[in-house]
Amino acid sequence: MDEMLDPILICVYCGDLMDGLTERQIEVFGKPTCCNFDMLTIEREKMHTIMRSLDTLKKNIEDEVLKGVL
């Protein structure tokens, strides 16, 4: 159950989800090779809202592209 409350780390450079990595592991082992820049921490509860918003944005962009094609 505690796993569900752990934050999700995201590489700001490549956008890769570092799910499963903890901040402590990164302190000990260092950042993954793609993450030479910064990492962003997002609470798991907010991740669903972010993903839903991105899905809506994608759909809206696709609709606008289709309007332009038709």
PDB file of N, CA and C in Angstrom:
ATOM      1  N   MET A   1       0.824  -1.194   0.000  1.00  0.00           N
ATOM      2  CA  MET A   1       0.000   0.000   0.000  1.00  0.00           C
ATOM      3  C   MET A   1       0.869   1.259   0.000  1.00  0.00           C
ATOM      4  N   ASP A   2       2.018   1.214   0.679  1.00  0.00           N
ATOM      5  CA  ASP A   2       2.905   2.370   0.696  1.00  0.00           C
ATOM      6  C   ASP A   2       3.434   2.688  -0.690  1.00  0.00           C
ATOM      7  N   GLU A   3       3.570   1.658  -1.546  1.00  0.00           N
ATOM      8  CA  GLU A   3       4.037   1.877  -2.905  1.00  0.00           C
ATOM      9  C   GLU A   3       3.152   2.854  -3.652  1.00  0.00           C
ATOM     10  N   MET A   4       1.850   2.774  -3.406  1.00  0.00           N
ATOM     11  CA  MET A   4       0.915   3.639  -4.106  1.00  0.00           C
ATOM     12  C   MET A   4       1.109   5.103  -3.721  1.00  0.00           C
ATOM     13  N   LEU A   5       1.703   5.361  -2.562  1.00  0.00           N
ATOM     14  CA  LEU A   5       1.892   6.726  -2.105  1.00  0.00           C
ATOM     15  C   LEU A   5       3.243   7.293  -2.497  1.00  0.00           C
ATOM     16  N   ASP A   6       4.164   6.446  -2.962  1.00  0.00           N
ATOM     17  CA  ASP A   6       5.470   6.930  -3.377  1.00  0.00           C
ATOM     18  C   ASP A   6       5.317   7.834  -4.588  1.00  0.00           C
ATOM     19  N   PRO A   7       6.100   8.904  -4.647  1.00  0.00           N
ATOM     20  CA  PRO A   7       6.015   9.780  -5.815  1.00  0.00           C
ATOM     21  C   PRO A   7       6.606   9.106  -7.045  1.00  0.00           C
ATOM     22  N   ILE A   8       6.220   9.589  -8.196  1.00  0.00           N
ATOM     23  CA  ILE A   8       6.766   9.107  -9.459  1.00  0.00           C
ATOM     24  C   ILE A   8       7.826  10.104  -9.895  1.00  0.00           C
ATOM     25  N   LEU A   9       8.987   9.612 -10.256  1.00  0.00           N
ATOM     26  CA  LEU A   9      10.057  10.475 -10.738  1.00  0.00           C
ATOM     27  C   LEU A   9      10.031  10.482 -12.261  1.00  0.00           C
ATOM     28  N   ILE A  10      10.154  11.650 -12.835  1.00  0.00           N
ATOM     29  CA  ILE A  10      10.134  11.796 -14.289  1.00  0.00           C
ATOM     30  C   ILE A  10      11.378  12.561 -14.707  1.00  0.00           C
ATOM     31  N   CYS A  11      12.062  12.060 -15.717  1.00  0.00           N
ATOM     32  CA  CYS A  11      13.214  12.753 -16.268  1.00  0.00           C
ATOM     33  C   CYS A  11      12.710  13.960 -17.056  1.00  0.00           C
ATOM     34  N   VAL A  12      13.148  15.144 -16.680  1.00  0.00           N
ATOM     35  CA  VAL A  12      12.712  16.356 -17.368  1.00  0.00           C
ATOM     36  C   VAL A  12      13.336  16.425 -18.763  1.00  0.00           C
ATOM     37  N   TYR A  13      14.486  15.790 -18.941  1.00  0.00           N
ATOM     38  CA  TYR A  13      15.178  15.840 -20.226  1.00  0.00           C
ATOM     39  C   TYR A  13      14.508  14.961 -21.273  1.00  0.00           C
ATOM     40  N   CYS A  14      14.264  13.682 -20.950  1.00  0.00           N
ATOM     41  CA  CYS A  14      13.720  12.757 -21.951  1.00  0.00           C
ATOM     42  C   CYS A  14      12.255  12.413 -21.715  1.00  0.00           C
ATOM     43  N   GLY A  15      11.703  12.770 -20.548  1.00  0.00           N
ATOM     44  CA  GLY A  15      10.304  12.475 -20.257  1.00  0.00           C
ATOM     45  C   GLY A  15      10.053  11.060 -19.780  1.00  0.00           C
ATOM     46  N   ASP A  16      11.108  10.268 -19.599  1.00  0.00           N
ATOM     47  CA  ASP A  16      10.946   8.877 -19.192  1.00  0.00           C
ATOM     48  C   ASP A  16      10.453   8.799 -17.753  1.00  0.00           C
ATOM     49  N   LEU A  17       9.494   7.911 -17.512  1.00  0.00           N
ATOM     50  CA  LEU A  17       9.019   7.675 -16.152  1.00  0.00           C
ATOM     51  C   LEU A  17      10.013   6.775 -15.444  1.00  0.00           C
ATOM     52  N   MET A  18      10.473   7.195 -14.316  1.00  0.00           N
ATOM     53  CA  MET A  18      11.421   6.412 -13.537  1.00  0.00           C
ATOM     54  C   MET A  18      10.667   5.672 -12.446  1.00  0.00           C
ATOM     55  N   ASP A  19       9.565   5.043 -12.819  1.00  0.00           N
ATOM     56  CA  ASP A  19       8.729   4.350 -11.846  1.00  0.00           C
ATOM     57  C   ASP A  19       9.540   3.238 -11.197  1.00  0.00           C
ATOM     58  N   GLY A  20       9.492   3.179  -9.913  1.00  0.00           N
ATOM     59  CA  GLY A  20      10.244   2.152  -9.200  1.00  0.00           C
ATOM     60  C   GLY A  20      11.520   2.694  -8.584  1.00  0.00           C
ATOM     61  N   LEU A  21      12.037   3.784  -9.105  1.00  0.00           N
ATOM     62  CA  LEU A  21      13.212   4.401  -8.499  1.00  0.00           C
ATOM     63  C   LEU A  21      12.760   5.318  -7.376  1.00  0.00           C
ATOM     64  N   THR A  22      13.473   5.278  -6.295  1.00  0.00           N
ATOM     65  CA  THR A  22      13.176   6.190  -5.195  1.00  0.00           C
ATOM     66  C   THR A  22      14.237   7.278  -5.168  1.00  0.00           C
ATOM     67  N   GLU A  23      13.927   8.364  -4.500  1.00  0.00           N
ATOM     68  CA  GLU A  23      14.904   9.443  -4.399  1.00  0.00           C
ATOM     69  C   GLU A  23      16.173   8.956  -3.705  1.00  0.00           C
ATOM     70  N   ARG A  24      16.022   8.054  -2.745  1.00  0.00           N
ATOM     71  CA  ARG A  24      17.187   7.518  -2.034  1.00  0.00           C
ATOM     72  C   ARG A  24      18.075   6.704  -2.981  1.00  0.00           C
ATOM     73  N   GLN A  25      17.463   5.890  -3.846  1.00  0.00           N
ATOM     74  CA  GLN A  25      18.253   5.112  -4.803  1.00  0.00           C
ATOM     75  C   GLN A  25      19.034   6.037  -5.731  1.00  0.00           C
ATOM     76  N   ILE A  26      18.429   7.131  -6.124  1.00  0.00           N
ATOM     77  CA  ILE A  26      19.111   8.069  -7.011  1.00  0.00           C
ATOM     78  C   ILE A  26      20.271   8.737  -6.279  1.00  0.00           C
ATOM     79  N   GLU A  27      20.079   9.041  -4.991  1.00  0.00           N
ATOM     80  CA  GLU A  27      21.169   9.607  -4.195  1.00  0.00           C
ATOM     81  C   GLU A  27      22.345   8.640  -4.126  1.00  0.00           C
ATOM     82  N   VAL A  28      22.058   7.345  -3.957  1.00  0.00           N
ATOM     83  CA  VAL A  28      23.111   6.341  -3.786  1.00  0.00           C
ATOM     84  C   VAL A  28      23.754   5.977  -5.121  1.00  0.00           C
ATOM     85  N   PHE A  29      22.928   5.683  -6.134  1.00  0.00           N
ATOM     86  CA  PHE A  29      23.441   5.158  -7.401  1.00  0.00           C
ATOM     87  C   PHE A  29      23.612   6.221  -8.479  1.00  0.00           C
ATOM     88  N   GLY A  30      23.071   7.396  -8.269  1.00  0.00           N
ATOM     89  CA  GLY A  30      23.142   8.442  -9.277  1.00  0.00           C
ATOM     90  C   GLY A  30      21.953   8.375 -10.219  1.00  0.00           C
ATOM     91  N   LYS A  31      21.823   9.415 -11.021  1.00  0.00           N
ATOM     92  CA  LYS A  31      20.708   9.486 -11.959  1.00  0.00           C
ATOM     93  C   LYS A  31      20.945   8.527 -13.114  1.00  0.00           C
ATOM     94  N   PRO A  32      19.865   8.050 -13.744  1.00  0.00           N
ATOM     95  CA  PRO A  32      20.034   7.268 -14.969  1.00  0.00           C
ATOM     96  C   PRO A  32      20.785   8.102 -16.009  1.00  0.00           C
ATOM     97  N   THR A  33      21.419   7.450 -16.960  1.00  0.00           N
ATOM     98  CA  THR A  33      22.299   8.155 -17.895  1.00  0.00           C
ATOM     99  C   THR A  33      21.594   9.222 -18.716  1.00  0.00           C
ATOM    100  N   CYS A  34      20.304   9.051 -18.993  1.00  0.00           N
ATOM    101  CA  CYS A  34      19.599  10.059 -19.785  1.00  0.00           C
ATOM    102  C   CYS A  34      19.299  11.303 -18.964  1.00  0.00           C
ATOM    103  N   CYS A  35      19.356  11.192 -17.662  1.00  0.00           N
ATOM    104  CA  CYS A  35      18.891  12.271 -16.785  1.00  0.00           C
ATOM    105  C   CYS A  35      20.051  13.112 -16.284  1.00  0.00           C
ATOM    106  N   ASN A  36      20.805  13.670 -17.196  1.00  0.00           N
ATOM    107  CA  ASN A  36      21.913  14.522 -16.795  1.00  0.00           C
ATOM    108  C   ASN A  36      21.423  15.901 -16.379  1.00  0.00           C
ATOM    109  N   PHE A  37      20.159  16.139 -16.539  1.00  0.00           N
ATOM    110  CA  PHE A  37      19.590  17.438 -16.205  1.00  0.00           C
ATOM    111  C   PHE A  37      18.805  17.298 -14.902  1.00  0.00           C
ATOM    112  N   ASP A  38      17.555  17.620 -14.883  1.00  0.00           N
ATOM    113  CA  ASP A  38      16.778  17.577 -13.648  1.00  0.00           C
ATOM    114  C   ASP A  38      15.718  16.498 -13.711  1.00  0.00           C
ATOM    115  N   MET A  39      15.304  16.070 -12.543  1.00  0.00           N
ATOM    116  CA  MET A  39      14.195  15.132 -12.451  1.00  0.00           C
ATOM    117  C   MET A  39      13.059  15.831 -11.723  1.00  0.00           C
ATOM    118  N   LEU A  40      11.861  15.489 -12.099  1.00  0.00           N
ATOM    119  CA  LEU A  40      10.658  16.081 -11.543  1.00  0.00           C
ATOM    120  C   LEU A  40       9.947  15.023 -10.718  1.00  0.00           C
ATOM    121  N   THR A  41       9.455  15.395  -9.570  1.00  0.00           N
ATOM    122  CA  THR A  41       8.712  14.468  -8.724  1.00  0.00           C
ATOM    123  C   THR A  41       7.235  14.809  -8.797  1.00  0.00           C
ATOM    124  N   ILE A  42       6.415  13.816  -9.100  1.00  0.00           N
ATOM    125  CA  ILE A  42       4.968  14.002  -9.182  1.00  0.00           C
ATOM    126  C   ILE A  42       4.314  13.001  -8.244  1.00  0.00           C
ATOM    127  N   GLU A  43       3.377  13.480  -7.455  1.00  0.00           N
ATOM    128  CA  GLU A  43       2.648  12.587  -6.562  1.00  0.00           C
ATOM    129  C   GLU A  43       1.773  11.658  -7.394  1.00  0.00           C
ATOM    130  N   ARG A  44       1.688  10.401  -6.976  1.00  0.00           N
ATOM    131  CA  ARG A  44       0.920   9.407  -7.729  1.00  0.00           C
ATOM    132  C   ARG A  44      -0.541   9.798  -7.893  1.00  0.00           C
ATOM    133  N   GLU A  45      -1.107  10.460  -6.885  1.00  0.00           N
ATOM    134  CA  GLU A  45      -2.519  10.823  -6.975  1.00  0.00           C
ATOM    135  C   GLU A  45      -2.759  11.800  -8.123  1.00  0.00           C
ATOM    136  N   LYS A  46      -1.770  12.634  -8.409  1.00  0.00           N
ATOM    137  CA  LYS A  46      -1.914  13.639  -9.463  1.00  0.00           C
ATOM    138  C   LYS A  46      -1.624  13.065 -10.844  1.00  0.00           C
ATOM    139  N   MET A  47      -0.963  11.924 -10.892  1.00  0.00           N
ATOM    140  CA  MET A  47      -0.565  11.346 -12.176  1.00  0.00           C
ATOM    141  C   MET A  47      -1.781  11.025 -13.035  1.00  0.00           C
ATOM    142  N   HIS A  48      -2.856  10.515 -12.435  1.00  0.00           N
ATOM    143  CA  HIS A  48      -4.059  10.175 -13.190  1.00  0.00           C
ATOM    144  C   HIS A  48      -4.634  11.420 -13.859  1.00  0.00           C
ATOM    145  N   THR A  49      -4.681  12.517 -13.131  1.00  0.00           N
ATOM    146  CA  THR A  49      -5.202  13.769 -13.683  1.00  0.00           C
ATOM    147  C   THR A  49      -4.330  14.262 -14.827  1.00  0.00           C
ATOM    148  N   ILE A  50      -3.028  14.174 -14.660  1.00  0.00           N
ATOM    149  CA  ILE A  50      -2.104  14.609 -15.709  1.00  0.00           C
ATOM    150  C   ILE A  50      -2.283  13.761 -16.955  1.00  0.00           C
ATOM    151  N   MET A  51      -2.363  12.438 -16.788  1.00  0.00           N
ATOM    152  CA  MET A  51      -2.518  11.546 -17.940  1.00  0.00           C
ATOM    153  C   MET A  51      -3.843  11.796 -18.649  1.00  0.00           C
ATOM    154  N   ARG A  52      -4.911  12.020 -17.896  1.00  0.00           N
ATOM    155  CA  ARG A  52      -6.214  12.294 -18.492  1.00  0.00           C
ATOM    156  C   ARG A  52      -6.167  13.609 -19.280  1.00  0.00           C
ATOM    157  N   SER A  53      -5.495  14.606 -18.732  1.00  0.00           N
ATOM    158  CA  SER A  53      -5.363  15.890 -19.420  1.00  0.00           C
ATOM    159  C   SER A  53      -4.568  15.748 -20.712  1.00  0.00           C
ATOM    160  N   LEU A  54      -3.516  14.943 -20.677  1.00  0.00           N
ATOM    161  CA  LEU A  54      -2.726  14.721 -21.891  1.00  0.00           C
ATOM    162  C   LEU A  54      -3.533  13.977 -22.948  1.00  0.00           C
ATOM    163  N   ASP A  55      -4.348  13.012 -22.527  1.00  0.00           N
ATOM    164  CA  ASP A  55      -5.217  12.302 -23.470  1.00  0.00           C
ATOM    165  C   ASP A  55      -6.207  13.257 -24.120  1.00  0.00           C
ATOM    166  N   THR A  56      -6.777  14.165 -23.325  1.00  0.00           N
ATOM    167  CA  THR A  56      -7.719  15.151 -23.856  1.00  0.00           C
ATOM    168  C   THR A  56      -7.018  16.082 -24.836  1.00  0.00           C
ATOM    169  N   LEU A  57      -5.825  16.531 -24.485  1.00  0.00           N
ATOM    170  CA  LEU A  57      -5.053  17.396 -25.376  1.00  0.00           C
ATOM    171  C   LEU A  57      -4.760  16.695 -26.693  1.00  0.00           C
ATOM    172  N   LYS A  58      -4.351  15.434 -26.629  1.00  0.00           N
ATOM    173  CA  LYS A  58      -4.059  14.661 -27.837  1.00  0.00           C
ATOM    174  C   LYS A  58      -5.298  14.558 -28.720  1.00  0.00           C
ATOM    175  N   LYS A  59      -6.442  14.262 -28.123  1.00  0.00           N
ATOM    176  CA  LYS A  59      -7.685  14.140 -28.884  1.00  0.00           C
ATOM    177  C   LYS A  59      -8.048  15.472 -29.535  1.00  0.00           C
ATOM    178  N   ASN A  60      -7.913  16.571 -28.798  1.00  0.00           N
ATOM    179  CA  ASN A  60      -8.231  17.885 -29.351  1.00  0.00           C
ATOM    180  C   ASN A  60      -7.323  18.243 -30.524  1.00  0.00           C
ATOM    181  N   ILE A  61      -6.049  17.919 -30.412  1.00  0.00           N
ATOM    182  CA  ILE A  61      -5.110  18.182 -31.509  1.00  0.00           C
ATOM    183  C   ILE A  61      -5.471  17.336 -32.718  1.00  0.00           C
ATOM    184  N   GLU A  62      -5.775  16.060 -32.499  1.00  0.00           N
ATOM    185  CA  GLU A  62      -6.175  15.190 -33.607  1.00  0.00           C
ATOM    186  C   GLU A  62      -7.430  15.716 -34.287  1.00  0.00           C
ATOM    187  N   ASP A  63      -8.411  16.184 -33.498  1.00  0.00           N
ATOM    188  CA  ASP A  63      -9.642  16.741 -34.066  1.00  0.00           C
ATOM    189  C   ASP A  63      -9.346  17.971 -34.921  1.00  0.00           C
ATOM    190  N   GLU A  64      -8.461  18.838 -34.445  1.00  0.00           N
ATOM    191  CA  GLU A  64      -8.113  20.043 -35.202  1.00  0.00           C
ATOM    192  C   GLU A  64      -7.387  19.695 -36.497  1.00  0.00           C
ATOM    193  N   VAL A  65      -6.516  18.694 -36.440  1.00  0.00           N
ATOM    194  CA  VAL A  65      -5.805  18.259 -37.649  1.00  0.00           C
ATOM    195  C   VAL A  65      -6.795  17.694 -38.656  1.00  0.00           C
ATOM    196  N   LEU A  66      -7.740  16.891 -38.190  1.00  0.00           N
ATOM    197  CA  LEU A  66      -8.751  16.324 -39.090  1.00  0.00           C
ATOM    198  C   LEU A  66      -9.620  17.417 -39.702  1.00  0.00           C
ATOM    199  N   LYS A  67      -9.959  18.444 -38.942  1.00  0.00           N
ATOM    200  CA  LYS A  67     -10.741  19.562 -39.484  1.00  0.00           C
ATOM    201  C   LYS A  67      -9.982  20.236 -40.619  1.00  0.00           C
ATOM    202  N   GLY A  68      -8.683  20.391 -40.437  1.00  0.00           N
ATOM    203  CA  GLY A  68      -7.850  21.018 -41.468  1.00  0.00           C
ATOM    204  C   GLY A  68      -7.731  20.167 -42.713  1.00  0.00           C
ATOM    205  N   VAL A  69      -7.731  18.853 -42.550  1.00  0.00           N
ATOM    206  CA  VAL A  69      -7.600  17.931 -43.684  1.00  0.00           C
ATOM    207  C   VAL A  69      -8.903  17.845 -44.454  1.00  0.00           C
ATOM    208  N   LEU A  70     -10.036  17.845 -43.742  1.00  0.00           N
ATOM    209  CA  LEU A  70     -11.338  17.728 -44.383  1.00  0.00           C
ATOM    210  C   LEU A  70     -11.739  19.075 -44.866  1.00  0.00           C
TER     211      LEU A  70
END
